[in-house]
Amino acid sequence: MSRAVHYHSDEGVHCAVLGRPGRKFTPMVLIDYPVRLRKIPNAEAVRYSRDIDGTTVQTVAQKMLAAGERMGINKSARKLLNEITTTNGEMT
């Protein structure tokens, strides 16, 4: 299940979408320049993120896709965000 979160990093707090966690890493798309997919350790994803209240993951993913058109988005980030928007946040 994907989640829309605030992610705390060394550069500050960013809006992010977390994908379905794997065995070691969780895929994450940050609103940053350029919009790209990052993989972070599962423990770090739990420790440094908190859910965004009052919004759905589909809304955040659509806004990230729109921002990615302006700021440059890589193929893997576009694929993850398109998968989230088309499956209503439920990833298989």
PDB file of N, CA and C in Angstrom:
ATOM      1  N   MET A   1       0.855  -1.181   0.000  1.00  0.00           N
ATOM      2  CA  MET A   1       0.000   0.000   0.000  1.00  0.00           C
ATOM      3  C   MET A   1       0.890   1.229   0.000  1.00  0.00           C
ATOM      4  N   SER A   2       0.600   2.157  -0.855  1.00  0.00           N
ATOM      5  CA  SER A   2       1.372   3.388  -0.925  1.00  0.00           C
ATOM      6  C   SER A   2       0.803   4.422   0.048  1.00  0.00           C
ATOM      7  N   ARG A   3       1.660   5.370   0.441  1.00  0.00           N
ATOM      8  CA  ARG A   3       1.249   6.393   1.410  1.00  0.00           C
ATOM      9  C   ARG A   3       1.796   7.739   0.980  1.00  0.00           C
ATOM     10  N   ALA A   4       1.037   8.793   1.255  1.00  0.00           N
ATOM     11  CA  ALA A   4       1.511  10.168   1.088  1.00  0.00           C
ATOM     12  C   ALA A   4       2.045  10.611   2.443  1.00  0.00           C
ATOM     13  N   VAL A   5       3.305  11.057   2.482  1.00  0.00           N
ATOM     14  CA  VAL A   5       3.957  11.355   3.756  1.00  0.00           C
ATOM     15  C   VAL A   5       4.741  12.662   3.680  1.00  0.00           C
ATOM     16  N   HIS A   6       5.069  13.189   4.856  1.00  0.00           N
ATOM     17  CA  HIS A   6       6.094  14.212   5.010  1.00  0.00           C
ATOM     18  C   HIS A   6       7.355  13.455   5.407  1.00  0.00           C
ATOM     19  N   TYR A   7       8.435  13.625   4.642  1.00  0.00           N
ATOM     20  CA  TYR A   7       9.679  12.905   4.890  1.00  0.00           C
ATOM     21  C   TYR A   7      10.734  13.893   5.373  1.00  0.00           C
ATOM     22  N   HIS A   8      11.337  13.605   6.524  1.00  0.00           N
ATOM     23  CA  HIS A   8      12.349  14.470   7.112  1.00  0.00           C
ATOM     24  C   HIS A   8      13.731  13.990   6.681  1.00  0.00           C
ATOM     25  N   SER A   9      14.449  14.828   5.948  1.00  0.00           N
ATOM     26  CA  SER A   9      15.793  14.477   5.498  1.00  0.00           C
ATOM     27  C   SER A   9      16.779  15.530   5.994  1.00  0.00           C
ATOM     28  N   ASP A  10      18.032  15.403   5.566  1.00  0.00           N
ATOM     29  CA  ASP A  10      19.047  16.373   5.960  1.00  0.00           C
ATOM     30  C   ASP A  10      18.767  17.761   5.393  1.00  0.00           C
ATOM     31  N   GLU A  11      18.067  17.810   4.246  1.00  0.00           N
ATOM     32  CA  GLU A  11      17.759  19.090   3.605  1.00  0.00           C
ATOM     33  C   GLU A  11      16.479  19.726   4.120  1.00  0.00           C
ATOM     34  N   GLY A  12      15.711  19.040   4.950  1.00  0.00           N
ATOM     35  CA  GLY A  12      14.463  19.584   5.465  1.00  0.00           C
ATOM     36  C   GLY A  12      13.332  18.581   5.319  1.00  0.00           C
ATOM     37  N   VAL A  13      12.106  19.080   5.385  1.00  0.00           N
ATOM     38  CA  VAL A  13      10.927  18.228   5.291  1.00  0.00           C
ATOM     39  C   VAL A  13      10.353  18.341   3.886  1.00  0.00           C
ATOM     40  N   HIS A  14      10.117  17.200   3.242  1.00  0.00           N
ATOM     41  CA  HIS A  14       9.607  17.164   1.877  1.00  0.00           C
ATOM     42  C   HIS A  14       8.318  16.358   1.829  1.00  0.00           C
ATOM     43  N   CYS A  15       7.474  16.686   0.858  1.00  0.00           N
ATOM     44  CA  CYS A  15       6.296  15.878   0.562  1.00  0.00           C
ATOM     45  C   CYS A  15       6.765  14.709  -0.303  1.00  0.00           C
ATOM     46  N   ALA A  16       6.317  13.509   0.024  1.00  0.00           N
ATOM     47  CA  ALA A  16       6.766  12.323  -0.709  1.00  0.00           C
ATOM     48  C   ALA A  16       5.643  11.300  -0.805  1.00  0.00           C
ATOM     49  N   VAL A  17       5.800  10.398  -1.749  1.00  0.00           N
ATOM     50  CA  VAL A  17       4.914   9.242  -1.872  1.00  0.00           C
ATOM     51  C   VAL A  17       5.783   8.010  -1.685  1.00  0.00           C
ATOM     52  N   LEU A  18       5.413   7.181  -0.721  1.00  0.00           N
ATOM     53  CA  LEU A  18       6.117   5.929  -0.483  1.00  0.00           C
ATOM     54  C   LEU A  18       5.386   4.808  -1.204  1.00  0.00           C
ATOM     55  N   GLY A  19       6.135   3.974  -1.911  1.00  0.00           N
ATOM     56  CA  GLY A  19       5.565   2.816  -2.584  1.00  0.00           C
ATOM     57  C   GLY A  19       5.479   1.632  -1.636  1.00  0.00           C
ATOM     58  N   ARG A  20       5.184   0.476  -2.209  1.00  0.00           N
ATOM     59  CA  ARG A  20       5.073  -0.743  -1.411  1.00  0.00           C
ATOM     60  C   ARG A  20       6.475  -1.180  -0.980  1.00  0.00           C
ATOM     61  N   PRO A  21       6.716  -1.390   0.314  1.00  0.00           N
ATOM     62  CA  PRO A  21       8.057  -1.761   0.772  1.00  0.00           C
ATOM     63  C   PRO A  21       8.465  -3.144   0.277  1.00  0.00           C
ATOM     64  N   GLY A  22       9.738  -3.251  -0.059  1.00  0.00           N
ATOM     65  CA  GLY A  22      10.303  -4.534  -0.446  1.00  0.00           C
ATOM     66  C   GLY A  22      10.951  -5.205   0.750  1.00  0.00           C
ATOM     67  N   ARG A  23      11.862  -6.124   0.481  1.00  0.00           N
ATOM     68  CA  ARG A  23      12.523  -6.850   1.559  1.00  0.00           C
ATOM     69  C   ARG A  23      13.483  -5.952   2.328  1.00  0.00           C
ATOM     70  N   LYS A  24      14.223  -5.078   1.615  1.00  0.00           N
ATOM     71  CA  LYS A  24      15.186  -4.197   2.270  1.00  0.00           C
ATOM     72  C   LYS A  24      14.871  -2.718   2.109  1.00  0.00           C
ATOM     73  N   PHE A  25      14.327  -2.339   0.950  1.00  0.00           N
ATOM     74  CA  PHE A  25      14.154  -0.928   0.629  1.00  0.00           C
ATOM     75  C   PHE A  25      12.707  -0.593   0.295  1.00  0.00           C
ATOM     76  N   THR A  26      12.371   0.688   0.469  1.00  0.00           N
ATOM     77  CA  THR A  26      11.062   1.229   0.113  1.00  0.00           C
ATOM     78  C   THR A  26      11.263   2.275  -0.977  1.00  0.00           C
ATOM     79  N   PRO A  27      10.543   2.177  -2.109  1.00  0.00           N
ATOM     80  CA  PRO A  27      10.658   3.217  -3.137  1.00  0.00           C
ATOM     81  C   PRO A  27       9.952   4.494  -2.690  1.00  0.00           C
ATOM     82  N   MET A  28      10.542   5.643  -3.012  1.00  0.00           N
ATOM     83  CA  MET A  28       9.997   6.921  -2.578  1.00  0.00           C
ATOM     84  C   MET A  28      10.194   7.941  -3.696  1.00  0.00           C
ATOM     85  N   VAL A  29       9.158   8.727  -3.971  1.00  0.00           N
ATOM     86  CA  VAL A  29       9.243   9.827  -4.932  1.00  0.00           C
ATOM     87  C   VAL A  29       9.074  11.119  -4.150  1.00  0.00           C
ATOM     88  N   LEU A  30      10.095  11.982  -4.209  1.00  0.00           N
ATOM     89  CA  LEU A  30      10.076  13.275  -3.523  1.00  0.00           C
ATOM     90  C   LEU A  30       9.709  14.384  -4.492  1.00  0.00           C
ATOM     91  N   ILE A  31       9.033  15.427  -3.985  1.00  0.00           N
ATOM     92  CA  ILE A  31       8.891  16.665  -4.749  1.00  0.00           C
ATOM     93  C   ILE A  31      10.205  17.412  -4.537  1.00  0.00           C
ATOM     94  N   ASP A  32      11.043  17.363  -5.525  1.00  0.00           N
ATOM     95  CA  ASP A  32      12.350  17.976  -5.490  1.00  0.00           C
ATOM     96  C   ASP A  32      12.751  18.215  -6.942  1.00  0.00           C
ATOM     97  N   TYR A  33      13.831  18.910  -7.174  1.00  0.00           N
ATOM     98  CA  TYR A  33      14.275  19.092  -8.549  1.00  0.00           C
ATOM     99  C   TYR A  33      15.492  18.237  -8.796  1.00  0.00           C
ATOM    100  N   PRO A  34      15.487  17.312  -9.696  1.00  0.00           N
ATOM    101  CA  PRO A  34      14.374  16.796 -10.491  1.00  0.00           C
ATOM    102  C   PRO A  34      13.555  15.784  -9.693  1.00  0.00           C
ATOM    103  N   VAL A  35      12.318  15.564 -10.126  1.00  0.00           N
ATOM    104  CA  VAL A  35      11.463  14.559  -9.486  1.00  0.00           C
ATOM    105  C   VAL A  35      12.018  13.198  -9.884  1.00  0.00           C
ATOM    106  N   ARG A  36      12.437  12.406  -8.901  1.00  0.00           N
ATOM    107  CA  ARG A  36      13.056  11.124  -9.202  1.00  0.00           C
ATOM    108  C   ARG A  36      12.689  10.108  -8.137  1.00  0.00           C
ATOM    109  N   LEU A  37      12.899   8.853  -8.467  1.00  0.00           N
ATOM    110  CA  LEU A  37      12.635   7.756  -7.545  1.00  0.00           C
ATOM    111  C   LEU A  37      13.881   7.503  -6.716  1.00  0.00           C
ATOM    112  N   ARG A  38      13.709   7.416  -5.409  1.00  0.00           N
ATOM    113  CA  ARG A  38      14.797   7.046  -4.501  1.00  0.00           C
ATOM    114  C   ARG A  38      14.398   5.793  -3.763  1.00  0.00           C
ATOM    115  N   LYS A  39      15.358   5.014  -3.356  1.00  0.00           N
ATOM    116  CA  LYS A  39      15.088   3.840  -2.529  1.00  0.00           C
ATOM    117  C   LYS A  39      15.768   4.057  -1.193  1.00  0.00           C
ATOM    118  N   ILE A  40      14.966   3.961  -0.118  1.00  0.00           N
ATOM    119  CA  ILE A  40      15.489   4.172   1.221  1.00  0.00           C
ATOM    120  C   ILE A  40      15.282   2.892   2.026  1.00  0.00           C
ATOM    121  N   PRO A  41      16.117   2.650   3.033  1.00  0.00           N
ATOM    122  CA  PRO A  41      15.924   1.463   3.869  1.00  0.00           C
ATOM    123  C   PRO A  41      14.572   1.491   4.578  1.00  0.00           C
ATOM    124  N   ASN A  42      13.996   0.318   4.796  1.00  0.00           N
ATOM    125  CA  ASN A  42      12.672   0.230   5.411  1.00  0.00           C
ATOM    126  C   ASN A  42      12.629   0.881   6.792  1.00  0.00           C
ATOM    127  N   ALA A  43      13.681   0.703   7.589  1.00  0.00           N
ATOM    128  CA  ALA A  43      13.701   1.296   8.932  1.00  0.00           C
ATOM    129  C   ALA A  43      13.685   2.820   8.854  1.00  0.00           C
ATOM    130  N   GLU A  44      14.382   3.385   7.867  1.00  0.00           N
ATOM    131  CA  GLU A  44      14.404   4.836   7.703  1.00  0.00           C
ATOM    132  C   GLU A  44      13.044   5.356   7.235  1.00  0.00           C
ATOM    133  N   ALA A  45      12.346   4.583   6.416  1.00  0.00           N
ATOM    134  CA  ALA A  45      11.018   4.984   5.939  1.00  0.00           C
ATOM    135  C   ALA A  45      10.033   5.072   7.093  1.00  0.00           C
ATOM    136  N   VAL A  46      10.153   4.195   8.050  1.00  0.00           N
ATOM    137  CA  VAL A  46       9.253   4.213   9.205  1.00  0.00           C
ATOM    138  C   VAL A  46       9.641   5.330  10.169  1.00  0.00           C
ATOM    139  N   ARG A  47      10.928   5.504  10.370  1.00  0.00           N
ATOM    140  CA  ARG A  47      11.407   6.437  11.386  1.00  0.00           C
ATOM    141  C   ARG A  47      11.252   7.903  10.991  1.00  0.00           C
ATOM    142  N   TYR A  48      11.517   8.231   9.723  1.00  0.00           N
ATOM    143  CA  TYR A  48      11.589   9.628   9.314  1.00  0.00           C
ATOM    144  C   TYR A  48      10.388  10.108   8.495  1.00  0.00           C
ATOM    145  N   SER A  49       9.286   9.384   8.505  1.00  0.00           N
ATOM    146  CA  SER A  49       8.120   9.838   7.739  1.00  0.00           C
ATOM    147  C   SER A  49       6.876   9.823   8.614  1.00  0.00           C
ATOM    148  N   ARG A  50       5.970  10.754   8.294  1.00  0.00           N
ATOM    149  CA  ARG A  50       4.674  10.770   8.961  1.00  0.00           C
ATOM    150  C   ARG A  50       3.615  11.067   7.914  1.00  0.00           C
ATOM    151  N   ASP A  51       2.443  10.479   8.075  1.00  0.00           N
ATOM    152  CA  ASP A  51       1.376  10.584   7.087  1.00  0.00           C
ATOM    153  C   ASP A  51       0.864  12.020   6.983  1.00  0.00           C
ATOM    154  N   ILE A  52       0.434  12.378   5.784  1.00  0.00           N
ATOM    155  CA  ILE A  52      -0.201  13.671   5.547  1.00  0.00           C
ATOM    156  C   ILE A  52      -1.678  13.512   5.830  1.00  0.00           C
ATOM    157  N   ASP A  53      -2.209  14.339   6.716  1.00  0.00           N
ATOM    158  CA  ASP A  53      -3.624  14.262   7.077  1.00  0.00           C
ATOM    159  C   ASP A  53      -4.478  15.019   6.067  1.00  0.00           C
ATOM    160  N   GLY A  54      -5.679  14.510   5.815  1.00  0.00           N
ATOM    161  CA  GLY A  54      -6.661  15.221   5.023  1.00  0.00           C
ATOM    162  C   GLY A  54      -6.478  15.158   3.522  1.00  0.00           C
ATOM    163  N   THR A  55      -5.654  14.271   3.024  1.00  0.00           N
ATOM    164  CA  THR A  55      -5.474  14.137   1.585  1.00  0.00           C
ATOM    165  C   THR A  55      -5.274  12.674   1.231  1.00  0.00           C
ATOM    166  N   THR A  56      -5.568  12.344  -0.012  1.00  0.00           N
ATOM    167  CA  THR A  56      -5.394  10.962  -0.459  1.00  0.00           C
ATOM    168  C   THR A  56      -4.094  10.833  -1.233  1.00  0.00           C
ATOM    169  N   VAL A  57      -3.605   9.623  -1.323  1.00  0.00           N
ATOM    170  CA  VAL A  57      -2.359   9.385  -2.030  1.00  0.00           C
ATOM    171  C   VAL A  57      -2.531   9.628  -3.529  1.00  0.00           C
ATOM    172  N   GLN A  58      -3.737   9.413  -4.065  1.00  0.00           N
ATOM    173  CA  GLN A  58      -3.973   9.653  -5.484  1.00  0.00           C
ATOM    174  C   GLN A  58      -3.842  11.140  -5.815  1.00  0.00           C
ATOM    175  N   THR A  59      -4.352  12.014  -4.943  1.00  0.00           N
ATOM    176  CA  THR A  59      -4.254  13.453  -5.160  1.00  0.00           C
ATOM    177  C   THR A  59      -2.805  13.901  -5.163  1.00  0.00           C
ATOM    178  N   VAL A  60      -2.034  13.419  -4.217  1.00  0.00           N
ATOM    179  CA  VAL A  60      -0.622  13.795  -4.134  1.00  0.00           C
ATOM    180  C   VAL A  60       0.136  13.265  -5.346  1.00  0.00           C
ATOM    181  N   ALA A  61      -0.163  12.033  -5.772  1.00  0.00           N
ATOM    182  CA  ALA A  61       0.519  11.459  -6.934  1.00  0.00           C
ATOM    183  C   ALA A  61       0.198  12.246  -8.202  1.00  0.00           C
ATOM    184  N   GLN A  62      -1.037  12.683  -8.377  1.00  0.00           N
ATOM    185  CA  GLN A  62      -1.403  13.482  -9.549  1.00  0.00           C
ATOM    186  C   GLN A  62      -0.680  14.826  -9.539  1.00  0.00           C
ATOM    187  N   LYS A  63      -0.568  15.447  -8.373  1.00  0.00           N
ATOM    188  CA  LYS A  63       0.143  16.721  -8.275  1.00  0.00           C
ATOM    189  C   LYS A  63       1.634  16.538  -8.540  1.00  0.00           C
ATOM    190  N   MET A  64       2.202  15.404  -8.105  1.00  0.00           N
ATOM    191  CA  MET A  64       3.611  15.131  -8.366  1.00  0.00           C
ATOM    192  C   MET A  64       3.863  14.907  -9.856  1.00  0.00           C
ATOM    193  N   LEU A  65       2.934  14.227 -10.539  1.00  0.00           N
ATOM    194  CA  LEU A  65       3.071  14.039 -11.981  1.00  0.00           C
ATOM    195  C   LEU A  65       3.033  15.380 -12.711  1.00  0.00           C
ATOM    196  N   ALA A  66       2.143  16.265 -12.286  1.00  0.00           N
ATOM    197  CA  ALA A  66       2.057  17.588 -12.907  1.00  0.00           C
ATOM    198  C   ALA A  66       3.332  18.395 -12.652  1.00  0.00           C
ATOM    199  N   ALA A  67       3.848  18.322 -11.434  1.00  0.00           N
ATOM    200  CA  ALA A  67       5.090  19.025 -11.117  1.00  0.00           C
ATOM    201  C   ALA A  67       6.266  18.410 -11.870  1.00  0.00           C
ATOM    202  N   GLY A  68       6.229  17.100 -12.065  1.00  0.00           N
ATOM    203  CA  GLY A  68       7.289  16.425 -12.796  1.00  0.00           C
ATOM    204  C   GLY A  68       7.362  16.848 -14.251  1.00  0.00           C
ATOM    205  N   GLU A  69       6.232  17.210 -14.836  1.00  0.00           N
ATOM    206  CA  GLU A  69       6.234  17.704 -16.213  1.00  0.00           C
ATOM    207  C   GLU A  69       7.027  19.003 -16.321  1.00  0.00           C
ATOM    208  N   ARG A  70       6.947  19.840 -15.295  1.00  0.00           N
ATOM    209  CA  ARG A  70       7.665  21.115 -15.302  1.00  0.00           C
ATOM    210  C   ARG A  70       9.113  20.977 -14.848  1.00  0.00           C
ATOM    211  N   MET A  71       9.363  20.107 -13.883  1.00  0.00           N
ATOM    212  CA  MET A  71      10.689  20.038 -13.266  1.00  0.00           C
ATOM    213  C   MET A  71      11.525  18.859 -13.745  1.00  0.00           C
ATOM    214  N   GLY A  72      11.006  18.053 -14.648  1.00  0.00           N
ATOM    215  CA  GLY A  72      11.756  16.899 -15.126  1.00  0.00           C
ATOM    216  C   GLY A  72      11.529  15.707 -14.216  1.00  0.00           C
ATOM    217  N   ILE A  73      11.064  14.630 -14.786  1.00  0.00           N
ATOM    218  CA  ILE A  73      10.781  13.421 -14.018  1.00  0.00           C
ATOM    219  C   ILE A  73      11.418  12.254 -14.746  1.00  0.00           C
ATOM    220  N   ASN A  74      11.996  11.327 -13.999  1.00  0.00           N
ATOM    221  CA  ASN A  74      12.590  10.181 -14.665  1.00  0.00           C
ATOM    222  C   ASN A  74      11.552   9.076 -14.868  1.00  0.00           C
ATOM    223  N   LYS A  75      11.913   8.091 -15.669  1.00  0.00           N
ATOM    224  CA  LYS A  75      10.974   7.059 -16.101  1.00  0.00           C
ATOM    225  C   LYS A  75      10.464   6.212 -14.941  1.00  0.00           C
ATOM    226  N   SER A  76      11.325   5.860 -14.006  1.00  0.00           N
ATOM    227  CA  SER A  76      10.909   5.000 -12.893  1.00  0.00           C
ATOM    228  C   SER A  76       9.952   5.730 -11.943  1.00  0.00           C
ATOM    229  N   ALA A  77      10.169   7.024 -11.724  1.00  0.00           N
ATOM    230  CA  ALA A  77       9.257   7.796 -10.868  1.00  0.00           C
ATOM    231  C   ALA A  77       7.898   7.948 -11.539  1.00  0.00           C
ATOM    232  N   ARG A  78       7.884   8.203 -12.851  1.00  0.00           N
ATOM    233  CA  ARG A  78       6.627   8.319 -13.588  1.00  0.00           C
ATOM    234  C   ARG A  78       5.855   6.999 -13.542  1.00  0.00           C
ATOM    235  N   LYS A  79       6.564   5.876 -13.670  1.00  0.00           N
ATOM    236  CA  LYS A  79       5.917   4.563 -13.644  1.00  0.00           C
ATOM    237  C   LYS A  79       5.258   4.301 -12.289  1.00  0.00           C
ATOM    238  N   LEU A  80       5.953   4.606 -11.186  1.00  0.00           N
ATOM    239  CA  LEU A  80       5.398   4.396  -9.849  1.00  0.00           C
ATOM    240  C   LEU A  80       4.177   5.285  -9.617  1.00  0.00           C
ATOM    241  N   LEU A  81       4.253   6.558  -9.992  1.00  0.00           N
ATOM    242  CA  LEU A  81       3.134   7.473  -9.777  1.00  0.00           C
ATOM    243  C   LEU A  81       1.934   7.115 -10.654  1.00  0.00           C
ATOM    244  N   ASN A  82       2.171   6.704 -11.907  1.00  0.00           N
ATOM    245  CA  ASN A  82       1.065   6.273 -12.764  1.00  0.00           C
ATOM    246  C   ASN A  82       0.393   5.025 -12.207  1.00  0.00           C
ATOM    247  N   GLU A  83       1.175   4.116 -11.658  1.00  0.00           N
ATOM    248  CA  GLU A  83       0.622   2.896 -11.064  1.00  0.00           C
ATOM    249  C   GLU A  83      -0.255   3.227  -9.856  1.00  0.00           C
ATOM    250  N   ILE A  84       0.149   4.208  -9.065  1.00  0.00           N
ATOM    251  CA  ILE A  84      -0.621   4.616  -7.888  1.00  0.00           C
ATOM    252  C   ILE A  84      -1.937   5.264  -8.317  1.00  0.00           C
ATOM    253  N   THR A  85      -1.891   6.149  -9.310  1.00  0.00           N
ATOM    254  CA  THR A  85      -3.106   6.862  -9.707  1.00  0.00           C
ATOM    255  C   THR A  85      -4.111   5.949 -10.403  1.00  0.00           C
ATOM    256  N   THR A  86      -3.653   4.954 -11.131  1.00  0.00           N
ATOM    257  CA  THR A  86      -4.570   4.084 -11.856  1.00  0.00           C
ATOM    258  C   THR A  86      -5.159   2.982 -10.979  1.00  0.00           C
ATOM    259  N   THR A  87      -4.485   2.623  -9.889  1.00  0.00           N
ATOM    260  CA  THR A  87      -4.980   1.540  -9.032  1.00  0.00           C
ATOM    261  C   THR A  87      -5.569   2.044  -7.727  1.00  0.00           C
ATOM    262  N   ASN A  88      -5.840   3.356  -7.622  1.00  0.00           N
ATOM    263  CA  ASN A  88      -6.435   3.953  -6.413  1.00  0.00           C
ATOM    264  C   ASN A  88      -5.578   3.729  -5.176  1.00  0.00           C
ATOM    265  N   GLY A  89      -4.271   3.729  -5.317  1.00  0.00           N
ATOM    266  CA  GLY A  89      -3.376   3.606  -4.178  1.00  0.00           C
ATOM    267  C   GLY A  89      -3.089   2.184  -3.749  1.00  0.00           C
ATOM    268  N   GLU A  90      -3.826   1.216  -4.277  1.00  0.00           N
ATOM    269  CA  GLU A  90      -3.598  -0.189  -3.947  1.00  0.00           C
ATOM    270  C   GLU A  90      -2.663  -0.793  -4.976  1.00  0.00           C
ATOM    271  N   MET A  91      -1.423  -1.045  -4.595  1.00  0.00           N
ATOM    272  CA  MET A  91      -0.453  -1.614  -5.518  1.00  0.00           C
ATOM    273  C   MET A  91      -0.362  -3.107  -5.304  1.00  0.00           C
ATOM    274  N   THR A  92      -0.216  -3.852  -6.395  1.00  0.00           N
ATOM    275  CA  THR A  92      -0.119  -5.312  -6.278  1.00  0.00           C
ATOM    276  C   THR A  92       1.297  -5.756  -6.152  1.00  0.00           C
TER     277      THR A  92
END
